[in-house]
PDB file of N, CA and C in Angstrom:
ATOM      1  N   UNK A   1       8.290 -15.579   0.709  1.00  0.00           N
ATOM      2  CA  UNK A   1       7.087 -14.792   0.539  1.00  0.00           C
ATOM      3  C   UNK A   1       6.673 -14.206   1.881  1.00  0.00           C
ATOM      4  N   UNK A   2       6.446 -12.946   1.911  1.00  0.00           N
ATOM      5  CA  UNK A   2       5.972 -12.293   3.131  1.00  0.00           C
ATOM      6  C   UNK A   2       4.474 -12.521   3.271  1.00  0.00           C
ATOM      7  N   UNK A   3       4.038 -12.592   4.486  1.00  0.00           N
ATOM      8  CA  UNK A   3       2.625 -12.780   4.767  1.00  0.00           C
ATOM      9  C   UNK A   3       2.013 -11.419   5.016  1.00  0.00           C
ATOM     10  N   UNK A   4       1.046 -11.046   4.206  1.00  0.00           N
ATOM     11  CA  UNK A   4       0.452  -9.716   4.295  1.00  0.00           C
ATOM     12  C   UNK A   4      -1.045  -9.802   4.520  1.00  0.00           C
ATOM     13  N   UNK A   5      -1.558  -8.903   5.338  1.00  0.00           N
ATOM     14  CA  UNK A   5      -3.003  -8.862   5.550  1.00  0.00           C
ATOM     15  C   UNK A   5      -3.725  -8.270   4.362  1.00  0.00           C
ATOM     16  N   UNK A   6      -2.985  -7.784   3.386  1.00  0.00           N
ATOM     17  CA  UNK A   6      -3.585  -7.172   2.206  1.00  0.00           C
ATOM     18  C   UNK A   6      -3.704  -8.141   1.036  1.00  0.00           C
ATOM     19  N   UNK A   7      -3.470  -9.424   1.260  1.00  0.00           N
ATOM     20  CA  UNK A   7      -3.617 -10.408   0.200  1.00  0.00           C
ATOM     21  C   UNK A   7      -5.035 -10.379  -0.353  1.00  0.00           C
ATOM     22  N   UNK A   8      -5.161 -10.559  -1.595  1.00  0.00           N
ATOM     23  CA  UNK A   8      -6.472 -10.636  -2.241  1.00  0.00           C
ATOM     24  C   UNK A   8      -6.638 -12.047  -2.802  1.00  0.00           C
ATOM     25  N   UNK A   9      -7.843 -12.525  -2.796  1.00  0.00           N
ATOM     26  CA  UNK A   9      -8.098 -13.829  -3.370  1.00  0.00           C
ATOM     27  C   UNK A   9      -8.112 -13.707  -4.890  1.00  0.00           C
ATOM     28  N   UNK A  10      -7.143 -14.334  -5.508  1.00  0.00           N
ATOM     29  CA  UNK A  10      -7.040 -14.287  -6.962  1.00  0.00           C
ATOM     30  C   UNK A  10      -7.503 -15.594  -7.583  1.00  0.00           C
ATOM     31  N   UNK A  11      -8.063 -16.444  -6.782  1.00  0.00           N
ATOM     32  CA  UNK A  11      -8.541 -17.723  -7.282  1.00  0.00           C
ATOM     33  C   UNK A  11      -7.509 -18.809  -7.069  1.00  0.00           C
ATOM     34  N   UNK A  12      -7.911 -20.054  -7.203  1.00  0.00           N
ATOM     35  CA  UNK A  12      -7.012 -21.174  -6.932  1.00  0.00           C
ATOM     36  C   UNK A  12      -5.801 -21.203  -7.842  1.00  0.00           C
ATOM     37  N   UNK A  13      -5.932 -20.694  -9.056  1.00  0.00           N
ATOM     38  CA  UNK A  13      -4.802 -20.723  -9.979  1.00  0.00           C
ATOM     39  C   UNK A  13      -3.675 -19.811  -9.532  1.00  0.00           C
ATOM     40  N   UNK A  14      -3.969 -18.803  -8.737  1.00  0.00           N
ATOM     41  CA  UNK A  14      -2.942 -17.875  -8.273  1.00  0.00           C
ATOM     42  C   UNK A  14      -2.260 -18.375  -7.004  1.00  0.00           C
ATOM     43  N   UNK A  15      -2.852 -19.359  -6.344  1.00  0.00           N
ATOM     44  CA  UNK A  15      -2.246 -19.922  -5.144  1.00  0.00           C
ATOM     45  C   UNK A  15      -2.356 -19.041  -3.911  1.00  0.00           C
ATOM     46  N   UNK A  16      -3.249 -18.079  -3.911  1.00  0.00           N
ATOM     47  CA  UNK A  16      -3.427 -17.239  -2.733  1.00  0.00           C
ATOM     48  C   UNK A  16      -4.800 -17.481  -2.131  1.00  0.00           C
ATOM     49  N   UNK A  17      -4.930 -17.092  -0.901  1.00  0.00           N
ATOM     50  CA  UNK A  17      -6.196 -17.252  -0.199  1.00  0.00           C
ATOM     51  C   UNK A  17      -6.664 -15.885   0.278  1.00  0.00           C
ATOM     52  N   UNK A  18      -7.953 -15.724   0.445  1.00  0.00           N
ATOM     53  CA  UNK A  18      -8.474 -14.464   0.967  1.00  0.00           C
ATOM     54  C   UNK A  18      -8.125 -14.360   2.446  1.00  0.00           C
ATOM     55  N   UNK A  19      -8.165 -13.142   2.962  1.00  0.00           N
ATOM     56  CA  UNK A  19      -7.835 -12.940   4.367  1.00  0.00           C
ATOM     57  C   UNK A  19      -8.827 -13.635   5.291  1.00  0.00           C
ATOM     58  N   UNK A  20     -10.080 -13.713   4.916  1.00  0.00           N
ATOM     59  CA  UNK A  20     -11.032 -14.401   5.793  1.00  0.00           C
ATOM     60  C   UNK A  20     -10.666 -15.880   5.903  1.00  0.00           C
ATOM     61  N   UNK A  21     -10.201 -16.479   4.826  1.00  0.00           N
ATOM     62  CA  UNK A  21      -9.771 -17.884   4.858  1.00  0.00           C
ATOM     63  C   UNK A  21      -8.515 -18.026   5.712  1.00  0.00           C
ATOM     64  N   UNK A  22      -7.565 -17.116   5.547  1.00  0.00           N
ATOM     65  CA  UNK A  22      -6.323 -17.174   6.319  1.00  0.00           C
ATOM     66  C   UNK A  22      -6.607 -16.978   7.801  1.00  0.00           C
ATOM     67  N   UNK A  23      -7.423 -15.986   8.143  1.00  0.00           N
ATOM     68  CA  UNK A  23      -7.762 -15.745   9.549  1.00  0.00           C
ATOM     69  C   UNK A  23      -8.448 -16.956  10.167  1.00  0.00           C
ATOM     70  N   UNK A  24      -9.353 -17.575   9.436  1.00  0.00           N
ATOM     71  CA  UNK A  24     -10.054 -18.755   9.924  1.00  0.00           C
ATOM     72  C   UNK A  24      -9.088 -19.913  10.131  1.00  0.00           C
ATOM     73  N   UNK A  25      -8.167 -20.099   9.198  1.00  0.00           N
ATOM     74  CA  UNK A  25      -7.180 -21.185   9.336  1.00  0.00           C
ATOM     75  C   UNK A  25      -6.288 -20.970  10.545  1.00  0.00           C
ATOM     76  N   UNK A  26      -5.872 -19.717  10.774  1.00  0.00           N
ATOM     77  CA  UNK A  26      -5.038 -19.421  11.934  1.00  0.00           C
ATOM     78  C   UNK A  26      -5.804 -19.748  13.218  1.00  0.00           C
ATOM     79  N   UNK A  27      -7.029 -19.272  13.308  1.00  0.00           N
ATOM     80  CA  UNK A  27      -7.844 -19.492  14.514  1.00  0.00           C
ATOM     81  C   UNK A  27      -8.085 -20.981  14.763  1.00  0.00           C
ATOM     82  N   UNK A  28      -8.445 -21.720  13.720  1.00  0.00           N
ATOM     83  CA  UNK A  28      -8.675 -23.160  13.871  1.00  0.00           C
ATOM     84  C   UNK A  28      -7.390 -23.891  14.241  1.00  0.00           C
ATOM     85  N   UNK A  29      -6.271 -23.463  13.652  1.00  0.00           N
ATOM     86  CA  UNK A  29      -4.981 -24.065  13.983  1.00  0.00           C
ATOM     87  C   UNK A  29      -4.636 -23.899  15.453  1.00  0.00           C
ATOM     88  N   UNK A  30      -4.953 -22.730  16.002  1.00  0.00           N
ATOM     89  CA  UNK A  30      -4.729 -22.483  17.427  1.00  0.00           C
ATOM     90  C   UNK A  30      -5.663 -23.366  18.254  1.00  0.00           C
ATOM     91  N   UNK A  31      -6.935 -23.397  17.905  1.00  0.00           N
ATOM     92  CA  UNK A  31      -7.918 -24.181  18.659  1.00  0.00           C
ATOM     93  C   UNK A  31      -7.598 -25.671  18.643  1.00  0.00           C
ATOM     94  N   UNK A  32      -7.035 -26.158  17.544  1.00  0.00           N
ATOM     95  CA  UNK A  32      -6.721 -27.579  17.407  1.00  0.00           C
ATOM     96  C   UNK A  32      -5.335 -27.933  17.944  1.00  0.00           C
ATOM     97  N   UNK A  33      -4.594 -26.938  18.413  1.00  0.00           N
ATOM     98  CA  UNK A  33      -3.265 -27.192  18.958  1.00  0.00           C
ATOM     99  C   UNK A  33      -2.190 -27.374  17.911  1.00  0.00           C
ATOM    100  N   UNK A  34      -2.481 -27.051  16.672  1.00  0.00           N
ATOM    101  CA  UNK A  34      -1.508 -27.180  15.583  1.00  0.00           C
ATOM    102  C   UNK A  34      -0.516 -26.016  15.620  1.00  0.00           C
ATOM    103  N   UNK A  35      -0.997 -24.855  16.009  1.00  0.00           N
ATOM    104  CA  UNK A  35      -0.164 -23.662  16.109  1.00  0.00           C
ATOM    105  C   UNK A  35       0.139 -23.416  17.582  1.00  0.00           C
ATOM    106  N   UNK A  36       1.426 -23.384  17.917  1.00  0.00           N
ATOM    107  CA  UNK A  36       1.857 -23.142  19.288  1.00  0.00           C
ATOM    108  C   UNK A  36       1.721 -21.663  19.613  1.00  0.00           C
ATOM    109  N   UNK A  37       1.173 -21.360  20.775  1.00  0.00           N
ATOM    110  CA  UNK A  37       0.947 -19.971  21.171  1.00  0.00           C
ATOM    111  C   UNK A  37       1.450 -19.699  22.583  1.00  0.00           C
ATOM    112  N   UNK A  38       1.657 -18.414  22.838  1.00  0.00           N
ATOM    113  CA  UNK A  38       1.923 -17.904  24.174  1.00  0.00           C
ATOM    114  C   UNK A  38       0.689 -17.119  24.576  1.00  0.00           C
ATOM    115  N   UNK A  39       0.212 -17.337  25.786  1.00  0.00           N
ATOM    116  CA  UNK A  39      -0.973 -16.632  26.282  1.00  0.00           C
ATOM    117  C   UNK A  39      -0.539 -15.411  27.085  1.00  0.00           C
ATOM    118  N   UNK A  40      -1.110 -14.263  26.732  1.00  0.00           N
ATOM    119  CA  UNK A  40      -0.800 -13.005  27.412  1.00  0.00           C
ATOM    120  C   UNK A  40      -2.115 -12.366  27.842  1.00  0.00           C
ATOM    121  N   UNK A  41      -2.133 -11.796  29.042  1.00  0.00           N
ATOM    122  CA  UNK A  41      -3.275 -10.990  29.469  1.00  0.00           C
ATOM    123  C   UNK A  41      -2.924  -9.546  29.125  1.00  0.00           C
ATOM    124  N   UNK A  42      -3.733  -8.950  28.281  1.00  0.00           N
ATOM    125  CA  UNK A  42      -3.458  -7.599  27.801  1.00  0.00           C
ATOM    126  C   UNK A  42      -3.536  -6.593  28.942  1.00  0.00           C
ATOM    127  N   UNK A  43      -2.503  -5.785  29.055  1.00  0.00           N
ATOM    128  CA  UNK A  43      -2.449  -4.743  30.071  1.00  0.00           C
ATOM    129  C   UNK A  43      -2.981  -3.434  29.496  1.00  0.00           C
ATOM    130  N   UNK A  44      -3.299  -2.511  30.374  1.00  0.00           N
ATOM    131  CA  UNK A  44      -3.772  -1.182  29.976  1.00  0.00           C
ATOM    132  C   UNK A  44      -2.758  -0.535  29.022  1.00  0.00           C
ATOM    133  N   UNK A  45      -3.253   0.090  27.966  1.00  0.00           N
ATOM    134  CA  UNK A  45      -2.435   0.804  26.983  1.00  0.00           C
ATOM    135  C   UNK A  45      -1.498  -0.092  26.183  1.00  0.00           C
ATOM    136  N   UNK A  46      -1.758  -1.385  26.136  1.00  0.00           N
ATOM    137  CA  UNK A  46      -0.964  -2.310  25.332  1.00  0.00           C
ATOM    138  C   UNK A  46      -1.768  -2.658  24.097  1.00  0.00           C
ATOM    139  N   UNK A  47      -1.119  -2.589  22.937  1.00  0.00           N
ATOM    140  CA  UNK A  47      -1.807  -2.832  21.666  1.00  0.00           C
ATOM    141  C   UNK A  47      -1.237  -4.078  20.990  1.00  0.00           C
ATOM    142  N   UNK A  48      -2.018  -4.613  20.062  1.00  0.00           N
ATOM    143  CA  UNK A  48      -1.591  -5.820  19.346  1.00  0.00           C
ATOM    144  C   UNK A  48      -0.365  -5.565  18.486  1.00  0.00           C
ATOM    145  N   UNK A  49      -0.235  -4.366  17.925  1.00  0.00           N
ATOM    146  CA  UNK A  49       0.947  -4.074  17.114  1.00  0.00           C
ATOM    147  C   UNK A  49       2.212  -4.054  17.977  1.00  0.00           C
ATOM    148  N   UNK A  50       2.096  -3.629  19.220  1.00  0.00           N
ATOM    149  CA  UNK A  50       3.243  -3.650  20.129  1.00  0.00           C
ATOM    150  C   UNK A  50       3.647  -5.086  20.470  1.00  0.00           C
ATOM    151  N   UNK A  51       2.654  -5.927  20.677  1.00  0.00           N
ATOM    152  CA  UNK A  51       2.926  -7.339  20.960  1.00  0.00           C
ATOM    153  C   UNK A  51       3.578  -7.994  19.752  1.00  0.00           C
ATOM    154  N   UNK A  52       3.068  -7.689  18.561  1.00  0.00           N
ATOM    155  CA  UNK A  52       3.656  -8.206  17.331  1.00  0.00           C
ATOM    156  C   UNK A  52       5.120  -7.777  17.208  1.00  0.00           C
ATOM    157  N   UNK A  53       5.389  -6.522  17.488  1.00  0.00           N
ATOM    158  CA  UNK A  53       6.762  -6.034  17.440  1.00  0.00           C
ATOM    159  C   UNK A  53       7.666  -6.749  18.426  1.00  0.00           C
ATOM    160  N   UNK A  54       7.166  -7.008  19.620  1.00  0.00           N
ATOM    161  CA  UNK A  54       7.928  -7.710  20.651  1.00  0.00           C
ATOM    162  C   UNK A  54       8.265  -9.142  20.221  1.00  0.00           C
ATOM    163  N   UNK A  55       7.281  -9.849  19.663  1.00  0.00           N
ATOM    164  CA  UNK A  55       7.478 -11.259  19.328  1.00  0.00           C
ATOM    165  C   UNK A  55       8.102 -11.486  17.953  1.00  0.00           C
ATOM    166  N   UNK A  56       7.767 -10.637  16.980  1.00  0.00           N
ATOM    167  CA  UNK A  56       8.189 -10.882  15.604  1.00  0.00           C
ATOM    168  C   UNK A  56       9.166  -9.854  15.054  1.00  0.00           C
ATOM    169  N   UNK A  57       9.433  -8.801  15.824  1.00  0.00           N
ATOM    170  CA  UNK A  57      10.357  -7.782  15.348  1.00  0.00           C
ATOM    171  C   UNK A  57       9.731  -6.768  14.418  1.00  0.00           C
ATOM    172  N   UNK A  58       8.427  -6.866  14.204  1.00  0.00           N
ATOM    173  CA  UNK A  58       7.697  -5.919  13.369  1.00  0.00           C
ATOM    174  C   UNK A  58       6.252  -5.823  13.854  1.00  0.00           C
ATOM    175  N   UNK A  59       5.719  -4.629  13.793  1.00  0.00           N
ATOM    176  CA  UNK A  59       4.322  -4.429  14.192  1.00  0.00           C
ATOM    177  C   UNK A  59       3.347  -4.919  13.125  1.00  0.00           C
ATOM    178  N   UNK A  60       3.858  -5.231  11.956  1.00  0.00           N
ATOM    179  CA  UNK A  60       3.019  -5.576  10.800  1.00  0.00           C
ATOM    180  C   UNK A  60       2.166  -6.822  10.988  1.00  0.00           C
ATOM    181  N   UNK A  61       2.543  -7.688  11.900  1.00  0.00           N
ATOM    182  CA  UNK A  61       1.806  -8.936  12.073  1.00  0.00           C
ATOM    183  C   UNK A  61       0.794  -8.881  13.215  1.00  0.00           C
ATOM    184  N   UNK A  62       0.326  -7.685  13.563  1.00  0.00           N
ATOM    185  CA  UNK A  62      -0.690  -7.546  14.614  1.00  0.00           C
ATOM    186  C   UNK A  62      -1.929  -8.359  14.282  1.00  0.00           C
ATOM    187  N   UNK A  63      -2.248  -8.448  13.003  1.00  0.00           N
ATOM    188  CA  UNK A  63      -3.457  -9.138  12.568  1.00  0.00           C
ATOM    189  C   UNK A  63      -3.349 -10.650  12.782  1.00  0.00           C
ATOM    190  N   UNK A  64      -2.126 -11.200  12.800  1.00  0.00           N
ATOM    191  CA  UNK A  64      -1.930 -12.620  13.101  1.00  0.00           C
ATOM    192  C   UNK A  64      -2.309 -12.870  14.560  1.00  0.00           C
ATOM    193  N   UNK A  65      -1.896 -11.970  15.446  1.00  0.00           N
ATOM    194  CA  UNK A  65      -2.244 -12.067  16.862  1.00  0.00           C
ATOM    195  C   UNK A  65      -3.762 -11.962  17.018  1.00  0.00           C
ATOM    196  N   UNK A  66      -4.365 -11.027  16.292  1.00  0.00           N
ATOM    197  CA  UNK A  66      -5.823 -10.866  16.352  1.00  0.00           C
ATOM    198  C   UNK A  66      -6.529 -12.133  15.869  1.00  0.00           C
ATOM    199  N   UNK A  67      -6.080 -12.691  14.750  1.00  0.00           N
ATOM    200  CA  UNK A  67      -6.705 -13.900  14.202  1.00  0.00           C
ATOM    201  C   UNK A  67      -6.558 -15.073  15.169  1.00  0.00           C
ATOM    202  N   UNK A  68      -5.372 -15.255  15.731  1.00  0.00           N
ATOM    203  CA  UNK A  68      -5.134 -16.360  16.659  1.00  0.00           C
ATOM    204  C   UNK A  68      -6.002 -16.237  17.904  1.00  0.00           C
ATOM    205  N   UNK A  69      -6.284 -14.997  18.292  1.00  0.00           N
ATOM    206  CA  UNK A  69      -7.039 -14.734  19.517  1.00  0.00           C
ATOM    207  C   UNK A  69      -8.538 -14.624  19.292  1.00  0.00           C
ATOM    208  N   UNK A  70      -8.970 -14.659  18.033  1.00  0.00           N
ATOM    209  CA  UNK A  70     -10.387 -14.518  17.735  1.00  0.00           C
ATOM    210  C   UNK A  70     -10.883 -13.094  17.923  1.00  0.00           C
ATOM    211  N   UNK A  71      -9.984 -12.134  17.723  1.00  0.00           N
ATOM    212  CA  UNK A  71     -10.317 -10.720  17.881  1.00  0.00           C
ATOM    213  C   UNK A  71     -10.636 -10.147  16.507  1.00  0.00           C
ATOM    214  N   UNK A  72     -11.826  -9.584  16.367  1.00  0.00           N
ATOM    215  CA  UNK A  72     -12.240  -9.055  15.082  1.00  0.00           C
ATOM    216  C   UNK A  72     -11.693  -7.686  14.762  1.00  0.00           C
ATOM    217  N   UNK A  73     -11.534  -6.853  15.756  1.00  0.00           N
ATOM    218  CA  UNK A  73     -11.076  -5.480  15.528  1.00  0.00           C
ATOM    219  C   UNK A  73      -9.940  -5.211  16.499  1.00  0.00           C
ATOM    220  N   UNK A  74      -8.721  -5.278  16.008  1.00  0.00           N
ATOM    221  CA  UNK A  74      -7.532  -5.221  16.848  1.00  0.00           C
ATOM    222  C   UNK A  74      -7.260  -3.903  17.529  1.00  0.00           C
ATOM    223  N   UNK A  75      -7.924  -2.832  17.107  1.00  0.00           N
ATOM    224  CA  UNK A  75      -7.629  -1.530  17.688  1.00  0.00           C
ATOM    225  C   UNK A  75      -8.434  -1.246  18.949  1.00  0.00           C
ATOM    226  N   UNK A  76      -9.409  -2.071  19.230  1.00  0.00           N
ATOM    227  CA  UNK A  76     -10.252  -1.832  20.401  1.00  0.00           C
ATOM    228  C   UNK A  76     -10.291  -3.060  21.300  1.00  0.00           C
ATOM    229  N   UNK A  77      -9.136  -3.447  21.792  1.00  0.00           N
ATOM    230  CA  UNK A  77      -9.040  -4.608  22.653  1.00  0.00           C
ATOM    231  C   UNK A  77      -8.829  -4.111  24.088  1.00  0.00           C
ATOM    232  N   UNK A  78      -9.780  -4.377  24.976  1.00  0.00           N
ATOM    233  CA  UNK A  78      -9.672  -3.851  26.339  1.00  0.00           C
ATOM    234  C   UNK A  78      -8.635  -4.590  27.186  1.00  0.00           C
ATOM    235  N   UNK A  79      -8.119  -3.887  28.176  1.00  0.00           N
ATOM    236  CA  UNK A  79      -7.219  -4.504  29.149  1.00  0.00           C
ATOM    237  C   UNK A  79      -7.926  -5.702  29.781  1.00  0.00           C
ATOM    238  N   UNK A  80      -7.146  -6.734  30.075  1.00  0.00           N
ATOM    239  CA  UNK A  80      -7.695  -7.945  30.673  1.00  0.00           C
ATOM    240  C   UNK A  80      -8.047  -9.014  29.654  1.00  0.00           C
ATOM    241  N   UNK A  81      -8.050  -8.656  28.373  1.00  0.00           N
ATOM    242  CA  UNK A  81      -8.333  -9.630  27.313  1.00  0.00           C
ATOM    243  C   UNK A  81      -7.178 -10.625  27.220  1.00  0.00           C
ATOM    244  N   UNK A  82      -7.501 -11.898  27.107  1.00  0.00           N
ATOM    245  CA  UNK A  82      -6.474 -12.922  26.898  1.00  0.00           C
ATOM    246  C   UNK A  82      -6.138 -12.951  25.420  1.00  0.00           C
ATOM    247  N   UNK A  83      -4.864 -12.748  25.124  1.00  0.00           N
ATOM    248  CA  UNK A  83      -4.376 -12.702  23.752  1.00  0.00           C
ATOM    249  C   UNK A  83      -3.486 -13.912  23.526  1.00  0.00           C
ATOM    250  N   UNK A  84      -3.702 -14.595  22.408  1.00  0.00           N
ATOM    251  CA  UNK A  84      -2.901 -15.756  22.048  1.00  0.00           C
ATOM    252  C   UNK A  84      -1.942 -15.356  20.936  1.00  0.00           C
ATOM    253  N   UNK A  85      -0.655 -15.455  21.217  1.00  0.00           N
ATOM    254  CA  UNK A  85       0.372 -15.031  20.272  1.00  0.00           C
ATOM    255  C   UNK A  85       1.084 -16.270  19.724  1.00  0.00           C
ATOM    256  N   UNK A  86       0.949 -16.537  18.412  1.00  0.00           N
ATOM    257  CA  UNK A  86       1.695 -17.656  17.839  1.00  0.00           C
ATOM    258  C   UNK A  86       3.193 -17.485  18.090  1.00  0.00           C
ATOM    259  N   UNK A  87       3.838 -18.554  18.543  1.00  0.00           N
ATOM    260  CA  UNK A  87       5.248 -18.480  18.915  1.00  0.00           C
ATOM    261  C   UNK A  87       6.165 -18.233  17.723  1.00  0.00           C
ATOM    262  N   UNK A  88       5.806 -18.759  16.563  1.00  0.00           N
ATOM    263  CA  UNK A  88       6.710 -18.708  15.411  1.00  0.00           C
ATOM    264  C   UNK A  88       5.956 -18.216  14.180  1.00  0.00           C
ATOM    265  N   UNK A  89       6.290 -17.039  13.708  1.00  0.00           N
ATOM    266  CA  UNK A  89       5.611 -16.477  12.527  1.00  0.00           C
ATOM    267  C   UNK A  89       5.864 -17.351  11.289  1.00  0.00           C
ATOM    268  N   UNK A  90       7.013 -18.046  11.245  1.00  0.00           N
ATOM    269  CA  UNK A  90       7.289 -18.933  10.106  1.00  0.00           C
ATOM    270  C   UNK A  90       6.341 -20.122  10.090  1.00  0.00           C
ATOM    271  N   UNK A  91       5.911 -20.576  11.276  1.00  0.00           N
ATOM    272  CA  UNK A  91       4.919 -21.656  11.348  1.00  0.00           C
ATOM    273  C   UNK A  91       3.599 -21.174  10.740  1.00  0.00           C
ATOM    274  N   UNK A  92       3.235 -19.940  11.017  1.00  0.00           N
ATOM    275  CA  UNK A  92       1.998 -19.373  10.446  1.00  0.00           C
ATOM    276  C   UNK A  92       2.112 -19.328   8.933  1.00  0.00           C
ATOM    277  N   UNK A  93       3.221 -18.835   8.436  1.00  0.00           N
ATOM    278  CA  UNK A  93       3.418 -18.731   6.985  1.00  0.00           C
ATOM    279  C   UNK A  93       3.296 -20.097   6.323  1.00  0.00           C
ATOM    280  N   UNK A  94       3.922 -21.099   6.893  1.00  0.00           N
ATOM    281  CA  UNK A  94       3.846 -22.441   6.330  1.00  0.00           C
ATOM    282  C   UNK A  94       2.468 -23.074   6.441  1.00  0.00           C
ATOM    283  N   UNK A  95       1.728 -22.690   7.443  1.00  0.00           N
ATOM    284  CA  UNK A  95       0.421 -23.289   7.687  1.00  0.00           C
ATOM    285  C   UNK A  95      -0.671 -22.711   6.812  1.00  0.00           C
ATOM    286  N   UNK A  96      -0.629 -21.425   6.556  1.00  0.00           N
ATOM    287  CA  UNK A  96      -1.744 -20.789   5.854  1.00  0.00           C
ATOM    288  C   UNK A  96      -1.515 -20.596   4.366  1.00  0.00           C
ATOM    289  N   UNK A  97      -0.286 -20.678   3.907  1.00  0.00           N
ATOM    290  CA  UNK A  97      -0.023 -20.439   2.474  1.00  0.00           C
ATOM    291  C   UNK A  97       0.037 -21.749   1.733  1.00  0.00           C
TER     292      UNK A  97
END
């Protein structure tokens, strides 16, 4: 199953969670040390989708980086921001689903 930021909460019978629940779980997992991360200081003109592409091979998981870092709006992240990138996207999938 692919992890998508477009998941909708269909209720417990569907086995899916809303994005706010998933984002919260990712953030708490990072804070509690359950999710291993790499810390990056964002450079000028560097975006979360580029970081996602570098680490995961696809820009699609930019929102995972945002959730792990506690960033609410990934398109307006200033240079100098500390970004926490989960080391393994499969760990995220197993943790939040």
